[in-house]
C-alpha atoms as a PDB file:
ATOM      1  CA  MET A   1       0.000   0.000   0.000  1.00  0.00           C
ATOM      2  CA  GLY A   2       1.247   3.485  -0.873  1.00  0.00           C
ATOM      3  CA  TYR A   3       0.719   6.844   0.824  1.00  0.00           C
ATOM      4  CA  LYS A   4       1.471  10.527   0.226  1.00  0.00           C
ATOM      5  CA  VAL A   5       2.573  12.318   3.392  1.00  0.00           C
ATOM      6  CA  GLY A   6       3.638  15.907   4.024  1.00  0.00           C
ATOM      7  CA  PHE A   7       6.809  16.636   5.981  1.00  0.00           C
ATOM      8  CA  LYS A   8       4.942  17.723   9.125  1.00  0.00           C
ATOM      9  CA  ASP A   9       2.927  14.509   9.232  1.00  0.00           C
ATOM     10  CA  VAL A  10       6.030  12.442   8.495  1.00  0.00           C
ATOM     11  CA  ASN A  11       7.766  14.055  11.452  1.00  0.00           C
ATOM     12  CA  ASP A  12       4.786  13.253  13.667  1.00  0.00           C
ATOM     13  CA  ILE A  13       4.999   9.625  12.509  1.00  0.00           C
ATOM     14  CA  LEU A  14       8.751   9.550  13.186  1.00  0.00           C
ATOM     15  CA  ALA A  15       8.134  10.929  16.674  1.00  0.00           C
ATOM     16  CA  THR A  16       5.651   8.143  17.338  1.00  0.00           C
ATOM     17  CA  LEU A  17       7.979   5.513  15.901  1.00  0.00           C
ATOM     18  CA  SER A  18      10.846   6.787  18.057  1.00  0.00           C
ATOM     19  CA  GLN A  19       9.053   5.496  21.134  1.00  0.00           C
ATOM     20  CA  GLU A  20       9.698   1.983  19.842  1.00  0.00           C
ATOM     21  CA  TYR A  21      12.641   2.476  17.466  1.00  0.00           C
ATOM     22  CA  ASP A  22      16.017   4.179  17.348  1.00  0.00           C
ATOM     23  CA  ILE A  23      15.864   5.780  13.888  1.00  0.00           C
ATOM     24  CA  TYR A  24      19.026   6.251  11.817  1.00  0.00           C
ATOM     25  CA  GLY A  25      19.681   7.869   8.472  1.00  0.00           C
ATOM     26  CA  PRO A  26      22.411   9.576   6.434  1.00  0.00           C
ATOM     27  CA  LYS A  27      22.901  12.941   8.130  1.00  0.00           C
ATOM     28  CA  ARG A  28      24.966  16.007   7.216  1.00  0.00           C
ATOM     29  CA  PHE A  29      27.681  17.195   9.591  1.00  0.00           C
ATOM     30  CA  GLU A  30      28.818  20.667   8.576  1.00  0.00           C
ATOM     31  CA  LYS A  31      32.538  21.511   8.411  1.00  0.00           C
ATOM     32  CA  GLN A  32      33.517  18.010   9.515  1.00  0.00           C
ATOM     33  CA  GLY A  33      34.552  16.673   6.113  1.00  0.00           C
ATOM     34  CA  ARG A  34      37.908  15.853   4.584  1.00  0.00           C
ATOM     35  CA  TYR A  35      38.812  19.531   4.412  1.00  0.00           C
ATOM     36  CA  SER A  36      38.025  22.271   6.916  1.00  0.00           C
ATOM     37  CA  ASP A  37      35.355  23.863   4.725  1.00  0.00           C
ATOM     38  CA  THR A  38      33.597  20.662   3.598  1.00  0.00           C
ATOM     39  CA  ASP A  39      30.759  18.685   5.112  1.00  0.00           C
ATOM     40  CA  ILE A  40      30.522  14.965   5.700  1.00  0.00           C
ATOM     41  CA  ILE A  41      27.469  12.726   5.426  1.00  0.00           C
ATOM     42  CA  ARG A  42      27.352   9.713   7.686  1.00  0.00           C
ATOM     43  CA  TYR A  43      24.826   7.684   9.636  1.00  0.00           C
ATOM     44  CA  ASP A  44      23.443   8.995  12.911  1.00  0.00           C
ATOM     45  CA  LYS A  45      20.162   9.139  14.805  1.00  0.00           C
ATOM     46  CA  ILE A  46      17.543  11.350  13.187  1.00  0.00           C
ATOM     47  CA  SER A  47      14.279  12.787  14.485  1.00  0.00           C
ATOM     48  CA  LYS A  48      13.006  14.740  11.464  1.00  0.00           C
ATOM     49  CA  ILE A  49      12.742  13.888   7.780  1.00  0.00           C
ATOM     50  CA  GLU A  50      14.594  17.104   6.939  1.00  0.00           C
ATOM     51  CA  GLU A  51      17.717  15.653   8.591  1.00  0.00           C
ATOM     52  CA  VAL A  52      17.909  12.759   6.122  1.00  0.00           C
ATOM     53  CA  VAL A  53      20.141  13.522   3.132  1.00  0.00           C
ATOM     54  CA  PHE A  54      18.431  12.162   0.034  1.00  0.00           C
ATOM     55  CA  ASP A  55      20.255  14.057  -2.727  1.00  0.00           C
ATOM     56  CA  GLN A  56      23.812  12.905  -1.933  1.00  0.00           C
ATOM     57  CA  LYS A  57      25.409   9.551  -1.289  1.00  0.00           C
ATOM     58  CA  SER A  58      26.660   9.206   2.270  1.00  0.00           C
ATOM     59  CA  ASP A  59      30.441   9.246   2.678  1.00  0.00           C
ATOM     60  CA  PHE A  60      30.230   6.241   4.977  1.00  0.00           C
ATOM     61  CA  PRO A  61      27.871   3.260   4.756  1.00  0.00           C
ATOM     62  CA  ALA A  62      24.850   2.266   6.808  1.00  0.00           C
ATOM     63  CA  LYS A  63      26.848  -0.602   8.318  1.00  0.00           C
ATOM     64  CA  GLU A  64      28.144   1.895  10.912  1.00  0.00           C
ATOM     65  CA  VAL A  65      24.865   1.421  12.781  1.00  0.00           C
ATOM     66  CA  ILE A  66      25.267  -2.351  13.221  1.00  0.00           C
ATOM     67  CA  THR A  67      29.065  -2.618  13.148  1.00  0.00           C
ATOM     68  CA  PRO A  68      30.345   0.679  14.577  1.00  0.00           C
ATOM     69  CA  ILE A  69      33.979   1.548  14.022  1.00  0.00           C
ATOM     70  CA  THR A  70      34.605   1.005  17.745  1.00  0.00           C
ATOM     71  CA  GLN A  71      32.441  -1.315  19.829  1.00  0.00           C
ATOM     72  CA  SER A  72      32.705  -2.431  23.465  1.00  0.00           C
ATOM     73  CA  LEU A  73      32.217  -6.194  23.689  1.00  0.00           C
ATOM     74  CA  PHE A  74      32.436  -6.912  27.389  1.00  0.00           C
ATOM     75  CA  TYR A  75      33.762  -5.600  30.689  1.00  0.00           C
ATOM     76  CA  PHE A  76      35.874  -7.675  33.041  1.00  0.00           C
ATOM     77  CA  THR A  77      37.279  -7.820  36.547  1.00  0.00           C
ATOM     78  CA  GLU A  78      39.617 -10.357  38.058  1.00  0.00           C
ATOM     79  CA  ASP A  79      36.730 -12.727  38.821  1.00  0.00           C
ATOM     80  CA  GLU A  80      33.999 -12.114  36.235  1.00  0.00           C
ATOM     81  CA  TYR A  81      32.949 -10.439  33.013  1.00  0.00           C
ATOM     82  CA  ARG A  82      29.778  -8.747  31.795  1.00  0.00           C
ATOM     83  CA  GLU A  83      28.664  -8.277  28.198  1.00  0.00           C
ATOM     84  CA  SER A  84      28.127  -4.730  27.003  1.00  0.00           C
ATOM     85  CA  LYS A  85      24.537  -3.560  26.821  1.00  0.00           C
ATOM     86  CA  VAL A  86      22.569  -2.703  23.699  1.00  0.00           C
ATOM     87  CA  THR A  87      19.506  -0.557  23.220  1.00  0.00           C
ATOM     88  CA  ASP A  88      16.187  -2.026  24.280  1.00  0.00           C
ATOM     89  CA  LYS A  89      14.559  -0.417  21.264  1.00  0.00           C
ATOM     90  CA  LYS A  90      14.333  -1.838  17.773  1.00  0.00           C
ATOM     91  CA  ILE A  91      16.312  -0.125  15.014  1.00  0.00           C
ATOM     92  CA  LEU A  92      14.895   1.581  11.924  1.00  0.00           C
ATOM     93  CA  ILE A  93      17.423   2.564   9.245  1.00  0.00           C
ATOM     94  CA  PHE A  94      17.067   4.632   6.058  1.00  0.00           C
ATOM     95  CA  MET A  95      19.129   2.650   3.529  1.00  0.00           C
ATOM     96  CA  ARG A  96      19.780   2.614  -0.204  1.00  0.00           C
ATOM     97  CA  PRO A  97      19.585  -0.724  -2.080  1.00  0.00           C
ATOM     98  CA  CYS A  98      23.376  -1.095  -2.217  1.00  0.00           C
ATOM     99  CA  ASP A  99      23.622  -0.836   1.567  1.00  0.00           C
ATOM    100  CA  VAL A 100      20.791  -3.338   2.029  1.00  0.00           C
ATOM    101  CA  ASN A 101      22.612  -5.817  -0.199  1.00  0.00           C
ATOM    102  CA  ALA A 102      25.837  -5.066   1.678  1.00  0.00           C
ATOM    103  CA  MET A 103      24.109  -5.945   4.949  1.00  0.00           C
ATOM    104  CA  GLU A 104      23.074  -9.281   3.475  1.00  0.00           C
ATOM    105  CA  HIS A 105      26.716  -9.975   2.607  1.00  0.00           C
ATOM    106  CA  GLN A 106      27.686  -9.057   6.142  1.00  0.00           C
ATOM    107  CA  ASN A 107      25.047 -11.468   7.436  1.00  0.00           C
ATOM    108  CA  LYS A 108      26.847 -14.290   5.638  1.00  0.00           C
ATOM    109  CA  ILE A 109      30.139 -13.335   7.240  1.00  0.00           C
ATOM    110  CA  TYR A 110      28.877 -12.718  10.772  1.00  0.00           C
ATOM    111  CA  LEU A 111      25.968 -15.168  10.979  1.00  0.00           C
ATOM    112  CA  GLY A 112      26.613 -17.971   8.500  1.00  0.00           C
ATOM    113  CA  ASN A 113      30.362 -18.417   8.345  1.00  0.00           C
ATOM    114  CA  GLY A 114      31.182 -22.024   9.179  1.00  0.00           C
ATOM    115  CA  GLY A 115      28.143 -22.382  11.415  1.00  0.00           C
ATOM    116  CA  TYR A 116      29.334 -19.664  13.800  1.00  0.00           C
ATOM    117  CA  SER A 117      27.244 -16.608  14.653  1.00  0.00           C
ATOM    118  CA  ASP A 118      28.788 -13.440  16.029  1.00  0.00           C
ATOM    119  CA  LEU A 119      26.706 -12.579  19.111  1.00  0.00           C
ATOM    120  CA  TYR A 120      27.584  -8.890  19.079  1.00  0.00           C
ATOM    121  CA  TYR A 121      26.499  -8.497  15.471  1.00  0.00           C
ATOM    122  CA  GLN A 122      23.453 -10.728  15.785  1.00  0.00           C
ATOM    123  CA  ARG A 123      21.932  -8.940  18.766  1.00  0.00           C
ATOM    124  CA  LEU A 124      21.864  -5.672  16.801  1.00  0.00           C
ATOM    125  CA  GLN A 125      21.049  -7.044  13.355  1.00  0.00           C
ATOM    126  CA  GLU A 126      17.960  -8.901  14.548  1.00  0.00           C
ATOM    127  CA  LYS A 127      16.502  -5.575  15.716  1.00  0.00           C
ATOM    128  CA  VAL A 128      16.798  -3.920  12.296  1.00  0.00           C
ATOM    129  CA  LYS A 129      13.921  -2.783  10.102  1.00  0.00           C
ATOM    130  CA  ILE A 130      14.656  -0.964   6.839  1.00  0.00           C
ATOM    131  CA  ILE A 131      13.208   2.152   5.219  1.00  0.00           C
ATOM    132  CA  LEU A 132      14.405   1.772   1.644  1.00  0.00           C
ATOM    133  CA  MET A 133      15.490   5.058   0.056  1.00  0.00           C
ATOM    134  CA  GLU A 134      14.489   5.078  -3.602  1.00  0.00           C
ATOM    135  CA  CYS A 135      17.617   5.480  -5.738  1.00  0.00           C
ATOM    136  CA  THR A 136      17.046   5.810  -9.487  1.00  0.00           C
ATOM    137  CA  SER A 137      19.998   7.860 -10.769  1.00  0.00           C
ATOM    138  CA  GLY A 138      23.122   7.150  -8.704  1.00  0.00           C
ATOM    139  CA  TRP A 139      26.357   9.157  -8.725  1.00  0.00           C
ATOM    140  CA  ASP A 140      29.537   9.271 -10.766  1.00  0.00           C
ATOM    141  CA  THR A 141      31.334   6.495  -8.845  1.00  0.00           C
ATOM    142  CA  CYS A 142      28.345   4.146  -8.495  1.00  0.00           C
ATOM    143  CA  PHE A 143      28.305   0.825 -10.381  1.00  0.00           C
ATOM    144  CA  CYS A 144      25.653  -1.084  -8.409  1.00  0.00           C
ATOM    145  CA  VAL A 145      23.915  -2.328 -11.560  1.00  0.00           C
ATOM    146  CA  SER A 146      27.069  -4.124 -12.682  1.00  0.00           C
ATOM    147  CA  MET A 147      27.246  -5.803  -9.263  1.00  0.00           C
ATOM    148  CA  GLN A 148      23.529  -6.743  -9.268  1.00  0.00           C
ATOM    149  CA  ALA A 149      23.091  -4.721  -6.074  1.00  0.00           C
ATOM    150  CA  ASN A 150      20.739  -2.071  -7.464  1.00  0.00           C
ATOM    151  CA  LYS A 151      17.555  -3.841  -6.347  1.00  0.00           C
ATOM    152  CA  THR A 152      16.236  -5.465  -3.190  1.00  0.00           C
ATOM    153  CA  ASP A 153      12.974  -6.658  -1.703  1.00  0.00           C
ATOM    154  CA  ASN A 154      14.360  -6.689   1.837  1.00  0.00           C
ATOM    155  CA  TYR A 155      12.611  -3.689   3.404  1.00  0.00           C
ATOM    156  CA  SER A 156       9.631  -2.801   5.578  1.00  0.00           C
ATOM    157  CA  LEU A 157       8.987   0.659   4.122  1.00  0.00           C
ATOM    158  CA  ALA A 158      10.165   2.440   0.989  1.00  0.00           C
ATOM    159  CA  ILE A 159      10.349   6.187   0.508  1.00  0.00           C
ATOM    160  CA  ARG A 160      10.554   8.679  -2.368  1.00  0.00           C
ATOM    161  CA  HIS A 161      11.569  12.199  -1.352  1.00  0.00           C
ATOM    162  CA  LEU A 162       9.759  15.117  -3.013  1.00  0.00           C
ATOM    163  CA  ASP A 163       9.871  18.889  -2.374  1.00  0.00           C
ATOM    164  CA  ASN A 164       7.517  19.135   0.603  1.00  0.00           C
ATOM    165  CA  GLU A 165       6.226  15.605   0.948  1.00  0.00           C
ATOM    166  CA  VAL A 166       7.198  11.984   0.621  1.00  0.00           C
ATOM    167  CA  LEU A 167       5.662   8.944  -0.984  1.00  0.00           C
ATOM    168  CA  ILE A 168       5.700   5.881   1.219  1.00  0.00           C
ATOM    169  CA  GLU A 169       5.286   2.239   0.267  1.00  0.00           C
ATOM    170  CA  VAL A 170       4.309   0.122   3.254  1.00  0.00           C
ATOM    171  CA  LYS A 171       5.434  -3.433   2.655  1.00  0.00           C
ATOM    172  CA  GLU A 172       5.235  -4.777   6.201  1.00  0.00           C
ATOM    173  CA  SER A 173       1.758  -4.759   7.725  1.00  0.00           C
ATOM    174  CA  GLU A 174       2.883  -3.765  11.224  1.00  0.00           C
ATOM    175  CA  PHE A 175       3.605  -0.252   9.900  1.00  0.00           C
ATOM    176  CA  GLU A 176       0.167   0.286   8.310  1.00  0.00           C
ATOM    177  CA  LYS A 177      -1.244   1.705  11.559  1.00  0.00           C
ATOM    178  CA  TYR A 178       1.063   4.721  11.357  1.00  0.00           C
ATOM    179  CA  PHE A 179      -0.391   5.823   7.999  1.00  0.00           C
ATOM    180  CA  MET A 180      -4.108   5.228   8.512  1.00  0.00           C
ATOM    181  CA  GLU A 181      -4.943   8.950   8.165  1.00  0.00           C
ATOM    182  CA  ALA A 182      -2.601   9.617   5.217  1.00  0.00           C
ATOM    183  CA  PRO A 183      -3.924   9.963   1.644  1.00  0.00           C
ATOM    184  CA  LYS A 184      -3.412   6.797  -0.361  1.00  0.00           C
ATOM    185  CA  ASP A 185      -1.142   6.745  -3.402  1.00  0.00           C
ATOM    186  CA  ASP A 186      -0.209   4.007  -5.881  1.00  0.00           C
ATOM    187  CA  PHE A 187       3.509   4.535  -5.226  1.00  0.00           C
ATOM    188  CA  GLU A 188       5.819   1.589  -5.625  1.00  0.00           C
ATOM    189  CA  VAL A 189       9.554   1.992  -5.269  1.00  0.00           C
ATOM    190  CA  SER A 190      11.651   2.126  -8.457  1.00  0.00           C
ATOM    191  CA  PHE A 191      15.290   1.139  -8.910  1.00  0.00           C
ATOM    192  CA  ILE A 192      18.161   2.410 -10.994  1.00  0.00           C
ATOM    193  CA  GLU A 193      18.570   0.433 -14.233  1.00  0.00           C
ATOM    194  CA  GLU A 194      21.824   1.870 -15.590  1.00  0.00           C
ATOM    195  CA  ASN A 195      24.860   3.562 -14.042  1.00  0.00           C
ATOM    196  CA  GLU A 196      27.144   6.072 -15.676  1.00  0.00           C
ATOM    197  CA  VAL A 197      30.004   3.731 -14.714  1.00  0.00           C
ATOM    198  CA  LYS A 198      29.966   0.096 -15.803  1.00  0.00           C
ATOM    199  CA  VAL A 199      32.360  -2.696 -14.952  1.00  0.00           C
ATOM    200  CA  THR A 200      32.736  -6.240 -16.180  1.00  0.00           C
ATOM    201  CA  VAL A 201      34.185  -8.547 -13.561  1.00  0.00           C
ATOM    202  CA  PRO A 202      36.393 -11.167 -15.236  1.00  0.00           C
ATOM    203  CA  GLU A 203      35.682 -14.828 -14.688  1.00  0.00           C
ATOM    204  CA  ILE A 204      38.715 -16.613 -13.276  1.00  0.00           C
ATOM    205  CA  LYS A 205      38.173 -20.080 -14.691  1.00  0.00           C
ATOM    206  CA  ASP A 206      40.749 -22.172 -12.864  1.00  0.00           C
ATOM    207  CA  LYS A 207      43.401 -22.162 -10.166  1.00  0.00           C
ATOM    208  CA  GLU A 208      46.222 -21.806 -12.679  1.00  0.00           C
ATOM    209  CA  THR A 209      44.750 -18.555 -14.002  1.00  0.00           C
ATOM    210  CA  LEU A 210      44.259 -17.303 -10.447  1.00  0.00           C
ATOM    211  CA  LEU A 211      47.880 -18.023  -9.499  1.00  0.00           C
ATOM    212  CA  LYS A 212      49.188 -16.252 -12.612  1.00  0.00           C
ATOM    213  CA  LEU A 213      46.906 -13.302 -11.920  1.00  0.00           C
ATOM    214  CA  LYS A 214      48.280 -12.998  -8.392  1.00  0.00           C
ATOM    215  CA  GLN A 215      51.780 -12.782  -9.890  1.00  0.00           C
ATOM    216  CA  HIS A 216      50.811 -10.239 -12.578  1.00  0.00           C
ATOM    217  CA  SER A 217      52.814  -7.020 -12.693  1.00  0.00           C
ATOM    218  CA  MET A 218      49.663  -4.847 -12.571  1.00  0.00           C
ATOM    219  CA  TRP A 219      49.552  -5.138  -8.783  1.00  0.00           C
ATOM    220  CA  GLN A 220      52.994  -3.652  -8.298  1.00  0.00           C
ATOM    221  CA  THR A 221      51.923  -0.390  -9.957  1.00  0.00           C
ATOM    222  CA  PHE A 222      50.072   0.371  -6.708  1.00  0.00           C
ATOM    223  CA  ASN A 223      53.340   0.465  -4.772  1.00  0.00           C
ATOM    224  CA  SER A 224      53.882   4.018  -5.997  1.00  0.00           C
ATOM    225  CA  ARG A 225      50.242   5.105  -5.739  1.00  0.00           C
ATOM    226  CA  CYS A 226      48.527   3.557  -2.723  1.00  0.00           C
ATOM    227  CA  ILE A 227      49.612   5.101   0.588  1.00  0.00           C
ATOM    228  CA  SER A 228      48.063   2.255   2.636  1.00  0.00           C
ATOM    229  CA  CYS A 229      45.843   4.614   4.641  1.00  0.00           C
ATOM    230  CA  GLY A 230      42.848   2.246   4.788  1.00  0.00           C
ATOM    231  CA  ALA A 231      40.314   4.953   3.876  1.00  0.00           C
ATOM    232  CA  CYS A 232      38.803   2.725   1.189  1.00  0.00           C
ATOM    233  CA  THR A 233      38.025  -0.114   3.587  1.00  0.00           C
ATOM    234  CA  ILE A 234      36.551   2.092   6.312  1.00  0.00           C
ATOM    235  CA  ALA A 235      34.219   3.584   3.673  1.00  0.00           C
ATOM    236  CA  CYS A 236      33.407   0.141   2.231  1.00  0.00           C
ATOM    237  CA  ALA A 237      29.872  -1.149   2.792  1.00  0.00           C
ATOM    238  CA  THR A 238      30.976  -4.787   3.028  1.00  0.00           C
ATOM    239  CA  CYS A 239      34.365  -4.879   4.787  1.00  0.00           C
ATOM    240  CA  THR A 240      34.174  -6.816   8.046  1.00  0.00           C
ATOM    241  CA  CYS A 241      37.744  -7.030   9.375  1.00  0.00           C
ATOM    242  CA  PHE A 242      38.384  -5.909  12.938  1.00  0.00           C
ATOM    243  CA  THR A 243      40.942  -6.139  15.702  1.00  0.00           C
ATOM    244  CA  THR A 244      40.368  -6.507  19.447  1.00  0.00           C
ATOM    245  CA  THR A 245      42.041  -4.577  22.242  1.00  0.00           C
ATOM    246  CA  ASP A 246      41.857  -4.851  26.016  1.00  0.00           C
ATOM    247  CA  LEU A 247      41.694  -1.508  27.792  1.00  0.00           C
ATOM    248  CA  ILE A 248      42.939  -1.722  31.358  1.00  0.00           C
ATOM    249  CA  TYR A 249      41.410   0.550  33.985  1.00  0.00           C
ATOM    250  CA  ASN A 250      43.997   0.094  36.730  1.00  0.00           C
ATOM    251  CA  GLU A 251      47.661  -0.727  37.048  1.00  0.00           C
ATOM    252  CA  ASN A 252      47.244  -4.382  38.069  1.00  0.00           C
ATOM    253  CA  ALA A 253      45.333  -5.243  34.898  1.00  0.00           C
ATOM    254  CA  SER A 254      42.389  -6.783  36.732  1.00  0.00           C
ATOM    255  CA  ILE A 255      39.656  -4.378  35.569  1.00  0.00           C
ATOM    256  CA  GLY A 256      38.927  -3.241  32.032  1.00  0.00           C
ATOM    257  CA  GLU A 257      37.004  -3.804  28.847  1.00  0.00           C
ATOM    258  CA  ARG A 258      37.517  -5.533  25.534  1.00  0.00           C
ATOM    259  CA  ARG A 259      36.778  -3.499  22.425  1.00  0.00           C
ATOM    260  CA  ARG A 260      36.807  -4.350  18.773  1.00  0.00           C
ATOM    261  CA  THR A 261      37.781  -1.740  16.241  1.00  0.00           C
ATOM    262  CA  ALA A 262      37.446  -1.783  12.481  1.00  0.00           C
ATOM    263  CA  ALA A 263      40.704  -2.831  10.836  1.00  0.00           C
ATOM    264  CA  SER A 264      41.958  -2.592   7.268  1.00  0.00           C
ATOM    265  CA  CYS A 265      43.770  -5.134   5.114  1.00  0.00           C
ATOM    266  CA  GLN A 266      45.290  -2.147   3.307  1.00  0.00           C
ATOM    267  CA  VAL A 267      47.264  -0.919   6.313  1.00  0.00           C
ATOM    268  CA  ASP A 268      50.855  -2.095   6.632  1.00  0.00           C
ATOM    269  CA  GLY A 269      51.145  -4.697   9.365  1.00  0.00           C
ATOM    270  CA  PHE A 270      47.612  -6.077   9.085  1.00  0.00           C
ATOM    271  CA  SER A 271      48.843  -9.545   8.080  1.00  0.00           C
ATOM    272  CA  ASP A 272      52.005  -9.615  10.215  1.00  0.00           C
ATOM    273  CA  MET A 273      52.595 -12.706  12.330  1.00  0.00           C
ATOM    274  CA  ALA A 274      54.725 -13.512  15.348  1.00  0.00           C
ATOM    275  CA  GLY A 275      58.362 -13.779  14.382  1.00  0.00           C
ATOM    276  CA  GLY A 276      58.101 -10.907  11.926  1.00  0.00           C
ATOM    277  CA  HIS A 277      56.624 -12.831   8.980  1.00  0.00           C
ATOM    278  CA  ALA A 278      54.433 -10.667   6.707  1.00  0.00           C
ATOM    279  CA  PHE A 279      52.159 -12.165   4.076  1.00  0.00           C
ATOM    280  CA  ARG A 280      51.566  -8.916   2.196  1.00  0.00           C
ATOM    281  CA  PRO A 281      54.479  -6.529   2.761  1.00  0.00           C
ATOM    282  CA  THR A 282      53.819  -4.102  -0.125  1.00  0.00           C
ATOM    283  CA  ALA A 283      50.917  -1.855  -1.048  1.00  0.00           C
ATOM    284  CA  GLY A 284      50.535  -3.810  -4.286  1.00  0.00           C
ATOM    285  CA  ASP A 285      50.234  -7.090  -2.393  1.00  0.00           C
ATOM    286  CA  ARG A 286      47.556  -5.616  -0.172  1.00  0.00           C
ATOM    287  CA  MET A 287      45.628  -4.157  -3.098  1.00  0.00           C
ATOM    288  CA  ARG A 288      45.706  -7.545  -4.833  1.00  0.00           C
ATOM    289  CA  TYR A 289      44.306  -9.182  -1.711  1.00  0.00           C
ATOM    290  CA  LYS A 290      41.442  -6.670  -1.388  1.00  0.00           C
ATOM    291  CA  ILE A 291      40.398  -6.700  -5.033  1.00  0.00           C
ATOM    292  CA  LEU A 292      40.497 -10.480  -5.388  1.00  0.00           C
ATOM    293  CA  HIS A 293      38.541 -10.881  -2.155  1.00  0.00           C
ATOM    294  CA  LYS A 294      35.816  -8.509  -3.342  1.00  0.00           C
ATOM    295  CA  PHE A 295      35.694  -9.740  -6.941  1.00  0.00           C
ATOM    296  CA  HIS A 296      36.516 -13.442  -6.739  1.00  0.00           C
ATOM    297  CA  ASP A 297      37.080 -15.154  -3.378  1.00  0.00           C
ATOM    298  CA  TYR A 298      33.789 -14.235  -1.691  1.00  0.00           C
ATOM    299  CA  LYS A 299      31.693 -15.397  -4.642  1.00  0.00           C
ATOM    300  CA  ALA A 300      33.742 -18.582  -4.951  1.00  0.00           C
ATOM    301  CA  ARG A 301      33.105 -19.326  -1.286  1.00  0.00           C
ATOM    302  CA  PHE A 302      29.406 -18.486  -1.025  1.00  0.00           C
ATOM    303  CA  ASN A 303      28.519 -19.211  -4.654  1.00  0.00           C
ATOM    304  CA  ASP A 304      26.106 -16.330  -5.166  1.00  0.00           C
ATOM    305  CA  TYR A 305      27.261 -12.719  -5.716  1.00  0.00           C
ATOM    306  CA  HIS A 306      30.522 -10.829  -5.573  1.00  0.00           C
ATOM    307  CA  MET A 307      31.151  -9.127  -2.243  1.00  0.00           C
ATOM    308  CA  CYS A 308      31.371  -5.617  -3.698  1.00  0.00           C
ATOM    309  CA  VAL A 309      27.990  -3.902  -4.113  1.00  0.00           C
ATOM    310  CA  GLY A 310      29.228  -1.093  -6.359  1.00  0.00           C
ATOM    311  CA  CYS A 311      28.530   1.815  -4.009  1.00  0.00           C
ATOM    312  CA  GLY A 312      31.766   3.490  -5.166  1.00  0.00           C
ATOM    313  CA  ARG A 313      32.579   4.970  -1.758  1.00  0.00           C
ATOM    314  CA  CYS A 314      36.120   3.569  -1.884  1.00  0.00           C
ATOM    315  CA  THR A 315      36.817   5.515  -5.063  1.00  0.00           C
ATOM    316  CA  SER A 316      35.263   8.676  -3.626  1.00  0.00           C
ATOM    317  CA  ARG A 317      37.264   8.495  -0.385  1.00  0.00           C
ATOM    318  CA  CYS A 318      40.672   7.544  -1.795  1.00  0.00           C
ATOM    319  CA  PRO A 319      43.130  10.465  -1.355  1.00  0.00           C
ATOM    320  CA  GLU A 320      45.184   9.134  -4.278  1.00  0.00           C
ATOM    321  CA  TYR A 321      42.152   8.878  -6.614  1.00  0.00           C
ATOM    322  CA  ILE A 322      42.517   5.143  -7.137  1.00  0.00           C
ATOM    323  CA  SER A 323      39.416   3.917  -8.955  1.00  0.00           C
ATOM    324  CA  VAL A 324      38.130   0.475  -8.023  1.00  0.00           C
ATOM    325  CA  THR A 325      36.348   0.158 -11.374  1.00  0.00           C
ATOM    326  CA  ALA A 326      39.520   1.012 -13.310  1.00  0.00           C
ATOM    327  CA  THR A 327      41.385  -1.550 -11.190  1.00  0.00           C
ATOM    328  CA  VAL A 328      38.842  -4.275 -11.994  1.00  0.00           C
ATOM    329  CA  GLU A 329      39.064  -3.403 -15.690  1.00  0.00           C
ATOM    330  CA  LYS A 330      42.869  -3.750 -15.485  1.00  0.00           C
ATOM    331  CA  MET A 331      42.349  -7.113 -13.818  1.00  0.00           C
ATOM    332  CA  ALA A 332      40.041  -8.162 -16.670  1.00  0.00           C
ATOM    333  CA  THR A 333      42.747  -7.191 -19.176  1.00  0.00           C
ATOM    334  CA  ALA A 334      45.318  -9.172 -17.205  1.00  0.00           C
ATOM    335  CA  VAL A 335      43.078 -12.255 -17.136  1.00  0.00           C
ATOM    336  CA  ALA A 336      42.572 -11.988 -20.902  1.00  0.00           C
ATOM    337  CA  GLU A 337      46.342 -11.780 -21.397  1.00  0.00           C
ATOM    338  CA  ILE A 338      46.880 -14.858 -19.232  1.00  0.00           C
ATOM    339  CA  GLU A 339      44.251 -16.827 -21.148  1.00  0.00           C
ATOM    340  CA  VAL A 340      45.737 -15.862 -24.533  1.00  0.00           C
ATOM    341  CA  LYS A 341      49.215 -16.909 -23.438  1.00  0.00           C
ATOM    342  CA  GLY A 342      47.789 -20.159 -22.151  1.00  0.00           C
ATOM    343  CA  ASP A 343      46.026 -20.831 -25.475  1.00  0.00           C
ATOM    344  CA  ASN A 344      49.207 -20.016 -27.411  1.00  0.00           C
ATOM    345  CA  HIS A 345      51.218 -22.321 -25.196  1.00  0.00           C
ATOM    346  CA  GLU A 346      48.854 -25.157 -25.869  1.00  0.00           C
END
């Protein structure tokens, strides 16, 4: 069922919903961007529809709500420990289709990886309801259509933002009661069908091709470009790596808390082991690992979609202007070269 609702009435509905839900959306923070005179858009609690940024892609993904950059896991003393608390309320998040698909990828990692479920992720994720933000045009770094992440049916409500009103599609019946007095409309959410940017992910047919691709010289070109800052992975909608740290409250180390903090495979030292062994010592090695994980390994493991959802945030946030789509195209060229050489050899 669809409805047409003015901003004032929407805000009244949000106020009512906030009694039961913590409501999050992409929100503008002025003068807190990359440069002193730029803004940043990231997820935070909202109370009014005017706070939700519809006309720009958020700099950081919706995953911040469920997997915050820093998260307390539990508190401990010498004799016992206590898990950190979470909100008693349910969670309602304004999300674009790419972020919804990214959350489904995260579910596989946190909830279905070898039969193990991450308690700290699960207890938040099971509270989530989604307000799908209609996205029909995209931005200059988006390539969600190529990654088949431009559509989803995983939402409770869908919204189209107009000048002074919104159109709402109510998909889940429990939300119908909030719109009983609103004028009905035949609105159904639409999805983007074509991006400005397109990418063709190469098919790596066998292990021999994969091994030759890992040794290809294209990866070493990133040694002089990538500064290993990790900005791309923090902005990524699907990255799940983290590290854990114990914070000690007193000098005898008997009282403290354990936190996990988002980590990046692009930062030097991420793969270091005891004894000083490093699996990926150069920026090129680390870039190879990230790209192959997003565009081969994940799909090979779960046998459905590639991990990347084509949101393009990594390209937008990179201080060295490294384009993920250009990198994948270079990888496709490298795979074609490997296959031709293999055919000639035969």
